[in-house]
Protein backbone atom coordinates (compact mmCIF):
# COMPACT_ATOMS: atom_id res chain seq x y z
CA MET A 1 0.00 0.00 0.00
CA TYR A 2 1.34 3.43 -0.93
CA ARG A 3 0.31 6.97 -0.01
CA GLN A 4 1.36 10.22 -1.62
CA GLY A 5 -0.41 13.21 -0.07
CA ASP A 6 -4.16 12.72 -0.36
CA VAL A 7 -3.88 9.75 -2.74
CA LEU A 8 -3.82 6.13 -1.52
CA ILE A 9 -2.68 3.40 -3.93
CA VAL A 10 -3.60 -0.16 -3.01
CA PRO A 11 -2.40 -3.26 -4.92
CA VAL A 12 -5.23 -5.40 -6.35
CA GLU A 13 -4.93 -9.02 -7.43
CA GLU A 14 -5.90 -9.38 -11.09
CA ASP A 15 -8.46 -12.10 -10.33
CA ALA A 16 -10.24 -9.66 -7.95
CA LEU A 17 -10.86 -7.08 -10.71
CA PRO A 18 -14.37 -6.63 -12.14
CA GLU A 19 -14.54 -8.41 -15.52
CA HIS A 20 -15.37 -5.30 -17.49
CA VAL A 21 -12.28 -3.42 -16.30
CA THR A 22 -9.48 -5.33 -18.01
CA GLY A 23 -10.81 -4.78 -21.56
CA ARG A 24 -11.93 -1.22 -21.00
CA PRO A 25 -9.98 1.63 -22.65
CA GLY A 26 -7.99 3.85 -20.35
CA LEU A 27 -8.43 7.54 -19.63
CA PRO A 28 -6.41 9.93 -21.80
CA ARG A 29 -3.00 11.13 -20.63
CA ASP A 30 -2.31 14.78 -19.87
CA ALA A 31 -0.29 17.09 -22.15
CA ARG A 32 2.92 15.84 -20.48
CA GLY A 33 2.08 12.20 -21.25
CA ARG A 34 1.26 11.31 -17.63
CA LEU A 35 -1.62 9.36 -16.10
CA VAL A 36 -3.10 11.88 -13.67
CA LEU A 37 -4.44 10.31 -10.47
CA ALA A 38 -5.44 13.64 -8.86
CA GLN A 39 -5.08 17.26 -9.95
CA GLY A 40 -4.81 20.11 -7.46
CA GLU A 41 -7.53 22.70 -7.98
CA VAL A 42 -5.56 25.57 -6.46
CA THR A 43 -1.94 24.72 -7.18
CA GLY A 44 -2.37 22.83 -10.47
CA HIS A 45 0.05 20.23 -9.11
CA ALA A 46 -0.76 16.63 -9.90
CA HIS A 47 -0.24 13.18 -8.48
CA ALA A 48 0.62 11.38 -11.71
CA VAL A 49 2.17 8.19 -13.02
CA VAL A 50 4.89 8.15 -15.64
CA GLY A 51 5.51 5.04 -17.70
CA PRO A 52 3.36 2.63 -19.66
CA GLY A 53 -0.04 1.71 -18.31
CA LYS A 54 -3.65 2.77 -18.17
CA LEU A 55 -6.08 4.38 -15.77
CA VAL A 56 -9.70 3.16 -15.68
CA ARG A 57 -12.32 5.17 -13.81
CA GLU A 58 -15.46 3.49 -12.53
CA SER A 59 -18.80 5.27 -12.39
CA GLY A 60 -20.07 7.29 -9.43
CA PRO A 61 -18.86 10.43 -7.68
CA PHE A 62 -16.36 8.49 -5.57
CA GLY A 63 -16.02 5.58 -7.99
CA PRO A 64 -12.72 3.84 -7.64
CA THR A 65 -10.03 4.40 -10.17
CA LEU A 66 -8.01 1.41 -11.23
CA LEU A 67 -4.43 1.71 -12.43
CA HIS A 68 -2.66 -0.92 -14.52
CA LEU A 69 1.12 -0.83 -14.75
CA PRO A 70 2.31 -3.73 -16.93
CA ASP A 71 5.97 -2.79 -16.46
CA GLY A 72 5.77 -0.86 -13.19
CA GLY A 73 5.95 2.93 -12.96
CA ARG A 74 6.58 5.92 -10.72
CA VAL A 75 4.10 8.19 -8.96
CA VAL A 76 5.35 11.76 -9.14
CA HIS A 77 4.22 15.09 -7.68
CA GLU A 78 5.77 18.55 -7.62
CA GLU A 79 5.99 18.61 -3.77
CA HIS A 80 6.45 14.94 -2.83
CA ALA A 81 9.15 12.36 -3.36
CA ALA A 82 8.55 9.96 -6.26
CA ILE A 83 7.26 6.49 -5.37
CA PRO A 84 8.26 3.51 -7.52
CA LEU A 85 5.47 0.97 -8.09
CA PRO A 86 6.03 -2.60 -9.19
CA ARG A 87 4.04 -4.00 -12.09
CA GLY A 88 0.42 -4.87 -11.42
CA TRP A 89 -3.06 -3.47 -10.82
CA TYR A 90 -3.87 -0.85 -8.18
CA ARG A 91 -6.94 0.81 -6.74
CA VAL A 92 -6.48 4.57 -6.42
CA VAL A 93 -8.43 6.13 -3.55
CA ARG A 94 -8.73 9.88 -3.03
CA GLN A 95 -8.89 11.15 0.55
CA ARG A 96 -12.35 12.34 1.54
CA GLU A 97 -13.52 14.73 4.18
CA TYR A 98 -16.78 15.31 5.97
CA VAL A 99 -18.35 18.73 5.84
CA PRO A 100 -21.75 19.27 7.45
CA GLY A 101 -24.28 17.56 5.21
CA ALA A 102 -21.85 16.02 2.73
CA VAL A 103 -18.73 13.97 2.09
CA ARG A 104 -16.37 15.34 -0.53
CA ILE A 105 -12.98 14.61 -2.04
CA VAL A 106 -10.18 16.64 -0.45
CA ALA A 107 -8.95 19.38 -2.76
CA ASP A 108 -5.62 21.13 -2.47
């Protein structure tokens, strides 16, 4: 399990993935060729993965995001140390916070 700021990255066994995920196309990369896990609304900084792979977002406001890294990769951010990830599938979870009457994703 890995954490970088408000992003938690949890390894997932391939046989535990929903069937529709493995054949699903990935989300587009940003202009720098990265897979963006979370983008800061104020700073514009991003938790992102460099290297081959794909990011699959499930439906729903807090739907999990699944990351596939066939050759491994690195999670990078402008203010945090890079984290190397071995090859495999991961569930990406954004930190949430309670505000009176709602639960929302933490924004920086």
